[in-house]
Amino acid sequence: MKHTSTSSIAHQPLALVNARLIDPSALTETIGGVLIIDGLIRDLGAAITPANLPPHARIINCGGDCVTPGLIDMRAFIGEPGAEHRETIATATLAAAAGGVTTILARPDTNPPVDEPAVVDFLLRRARDTGRVRVLPSAALTAGLNGTEIAEIGLLQTGGRRGF
């Protein structure tokens, strides 16, 4: 049995062929492939086919599946803090990554709510330590989500929140 080290796989070019390439910035959708060398996209388009790849490239036939830049979930409920029994940053980001989501905007309606800089800091640290995708915390506009007293918007903004 031949043993292949993970370091040799990491340096092996990877080609995604027979894919629907979607480029939202250019508003285009084409059939083609993506060539990845050393973890970086080196080429993409209709010319990326099994016939014109490096001989040692690993080829994945996408069978017409979409290849697109990472998706953003603009309204993700993460149970952390307060409802970790439902979902944590680790489990939410793992599920997001499995679905092609590279960034999630975490909702502020947790327990305690994201209405002060300490909670934003907690979320950012947990995302750094356990997250698989980028987590952007959104903050509540009002203290305690009660709608009567405005939250410390300036402090929340400098503390790292990305939306309200």
Protein backbone atom coordinates (compact mmCIF):
# COMPACT_ATOMS: atom_id res chain seq x y z
CA MET A 1 0.00 0.00 0.00
CA LYS A 2 1.41 3.36 -1.05
CA HIS A 3 1.44 6.06 1.61
CA THR A 4 0.84 9.65 0.49
CA SER A 5 1.78 12.35 2.92
CA THR A 6 -0.57 15.26 3.46
CA SER A 7 2.21 17.69 2.54
CA SER A 8 2.46 16.20 -0.97
CA ILE A 9 -1.31 16.48 -1.39
CA ALA A 10 -1.21 20.11 -0.29
CA HIS A 11 1.28 20.91 -3.08
CA GLN A 12 -0.55 18.88 -5.72
CA PRO A 13 -2.48 21.14 -8.13
CA LEU A 14 -6.25 20.79 -7.87
CA ALA A 15 -8.59 21.29 -10.79
CA LEU A 16 -12.35 21.69 -10.51
CA VAL A 17 -13.71 20.92 -13.98
CA ASN A 18 -17.14 20.83 -15.62
CA ALA A 19 -18.45 23.50 -13.24
CA ARG A 20 -20.89 26.37 -13.51
CA LEU A 21 -18.63 29.33 -12.72
CA ILE A 22 -20.67 32.15 -11.22
CA ASP A 23 -19.09 35.58 -10.85
CA PRO A 24 -21.54 37.95 -9.12
CA SER A 25 -19.25 40.96 -9.54
CA ALA A 26 -19.20 40.56 -13.34
CA LEU A 27 -22.78 39.18 -13.49
CA THR A 28 -21.57 36.16 -15.49
CA GLU A 29 -22.19 32.44 -15.48
CA THR A 30 -20.07 30.16 -17.65
CA ILE A 31 -19.14 26.49 -17.89
CA GLY A 32 -15.50 25.76 -17.16
CA GLY A 33 -13.06 25.03 -14.41
CA VAL A 34 -10.79 26.38 -11.72
CA LEU A 35 -7.10 25.54 -11.32
CA ILE A 36 -5.76 25.80 -7.76
CA ILE A 37 -2.03 25.60 -7.13
CA ASP A 38 -0.52 25.94 -3.63
CA GLY A 39 -3.93 26.95 -2.25
CA LEU A 40 -4.37 29.86 -4.67
CA ILE A 41 -6.62 30.16 -7.71
CA ARG A 42 -4.17 30.37 -10.62
CA ASP A 43 -6.60 30.19 -13.55
CA LEU A 44 -10.27 29.77 -14.29
CA GLY A 45 -12.57 29.61 -17.26
CA ALA A 46 -13.61 27.44 -20.17
CA ALA A 47 -9.99 26.46 -20.95
CA ILE A 48 -9.63 24.51 -17.68
CA THR A 49 -10.38 20.96 -18.86
CA PRO A 50 -8.76 17.60 -18.06
CA ALA A 51 -6.99 17.71 -21.43
CA ASN A 52 -4.87 20.77 -20.62
CA LEU A 53 -3.95 20.33 -16.95
CA PRO A 54 -0.60 19.49 -15.38
CA PRO A 55 -0.18 15.69 -15.49
CA HIS A 56 -0.03 15.36 -11.70
CA ALA A 57 -3.13 17.51 -10.99
CA ARG A 58 -5.93 16.10 -8.87
CA ILE A 59 -9.16 16.50 -10.85
CA ILE A 60 -12.64 16.87 -9.41
CA ASN A 61 -15.48 16.68 -11.92
CA CYS A 62 -18.14 19.05 -10.59
CA GLY A 63 -20.81 17.61 -12.87
CA GLY A 64 -22.30 21.04 -13.52
CA ASP A 65 -22.38 22.09 -9.87
CA CYS A 66 -21.80 25.77 -9.06
CA VAL A 67 -18.44 27.23 -8.13
CA THR A 68 -18.81 30.73 -6.77
CA PRO A 69 -17.20 33.09 -4.26
CA GLY A 70 -18.16 32.33 -0.67
CA LEU A 71 -21.70 33.07 0.42
CA ILE A 72 -22.68 35.38 3.28
CA ASP A 73 -25.49 34.53 5.72
CA MET A 74 -26.87 37.93 6.70
CA ARG A 75 -29.10 36.69 9.55
CA ALA A 76 -27.56 33.76 11.40
CA PHE A 77 -28.89 32.83 14.82
CA ILE A 78 -26.07 31.48 16.97
CA GLY A 79 -27.07 30.27 20.42
CA GLU A 80 -23.91 31.62 21.99
CA PRO A 81 -24.16 33.23 24.48
CA GLY A 82 -27.00 31.71 26.44
CA ALA A 83 -28.40 28.93 24.26
CA GLU A 84 -25.32 26.82 23.64
CA HIS A 85 -27.51 23.71 23.95
CA ARG A 86 -29.08 24.76 20.60
CA GLU A 87 -25.98 25.88 18.75
CA THR A 88 -22.50 27.24 19.37
CA ILE A 89 -20.20 29.33 17.23
CA ALA A 90 -18.25 26.14 16.51
CA THR A 91 -21.29 24.17 15.29
CA ALA A 92 -22.86 27.11 13.42
CA THR A 93 -19.68 27.92 11.56
CA LEU A 94 -19.01 24.26 10.76
CA ALA A 95 -22.49 23.99 9.22
CA ALA A 96 -21.96 27.27 7.37
CA ALA A 97 -18.65 26.09 5.90
CA ALA A 98 -20.23 22.82 4.77
CA GLY A 99 -22.82 24.83 2.84
CA GLY A 100 -20.37 27.19 1.13
CA VAL A 101 -20.97 30.08 3.52
CA THR A 102 -17.75 31.92 4.34
CA THR A 103 -19.16 34.74 6.49
CA ILE A 104 -22.07 34.91 8.92
CA LEU A 105 -23.62 38.01 10.43
CA ALA A 106 -24.68 36.87 13.91
CA ARG A 107 -28.00 38.17 15.18
CA PRO A 108 -28.08 40.16 18.45
CA ASP A 109 -31.05 38.35 20.05
CA THR A 110 -29.07 36.05 22.32
CA ASN A 111 -29.18 35.77 26.11
CA PRO A 112 -27.63 38.08 27.13
CA PRO A 113 -28.32 40.15 24.03
CA VAL A 114 -25.51 41.73 22.08
CA ASP A 115 -26.07 45.21 23.49
CA GLU A 116 -22.72 46.03 25.09
CA PRO A 117 -19.06 45.84 24.02
CA ALA A 118 -18.22 42.96 26.38
CA VAL A 119 -20.65 40.66 24.57
CA VAL A 120 -19.25 41.72 21.17
CA ASP A 121 -15.75 41.00 22.48
CA PHE A 122 -16.88 37.58 23.73
CA LEU A 123 -18.33 36.70 20.32
CA LEU A 124 -15.22 37.84 18.47
CA ARG A 125 -12.94 35.83 20.77
CA ARG A 126 -15.08 32.69 20.51
CA ALA A 127 -15.22 33.06 16.73
CA ARG A 128 -11.44 33.42 16.61
CA ASP A 129 -10.93 30.38 18.84
CA THR A 130 -13.63 27.98 17.57
CA GLY A 131 -15.04 29.35 14.31
CA ARG A 132 -14.55 27.86 10.86
CA VAL A 133 -15.79 30.90 8.94
CA ARG A 134 -15.72 34.64 9.58
CA VAL A 135 -18.27 35.74 12.21
CA LEU A 136 -19.45 39.35 12.22
CA PRO A 137 -21.50 40.27 15.28
CA SER A 138 -24.49 42.55 14.88
CA ALA A 139 -25.63 44.52 17.92
CA ALA A 140 -29.01 45.50 19.32
CA LEU A 141 -30.16 49.07 18.84
CA THR A 142 -31.71 49.13 22.29
CA ALA A 143 -30.48 47.95 25.68
CA GLY A 144 -31.81 44.51 26.53
CA LEU A 145 -33.73 44.43 23.22
CA ASN A 146 -36.59 46.12 25.09
CA GLY A 147 -37.07 49.04 22.71
CA THR A 148 -37.03 51.78 25.34
CA GLU A 149 -33.40 52.79 25.98
CA ILE A 150 -30.88 53.11 23.17
CA ALA A 151 -27.78 50.92 23.40
CA GLU A 152 -24.28 52.42 23.56
CA ILE A 153 -23.97 52.56 19.77
CA GLY A 154 -20.61 54.37 19.74
CA LEU A 155 -19.01 51.88 22.12
CA LEU A 156 -20.50 48.93 20.23
CA GLN A 157 -19.20 50.32 16.95
CA THR A 158 -15.65 50.74 18.22
CA GLY A 159 -15.92 47.34 19.94
CA GLY A 160 -16.22 45.47 16.65
CA ARG A 161 -19.90 45.11 15.84
CA ARG A 162 -20.64 45.05 12.08
CA GLY A 163 -24.32 45.92 12.01
CA PHE A 164 -27.29 46.91 14.14
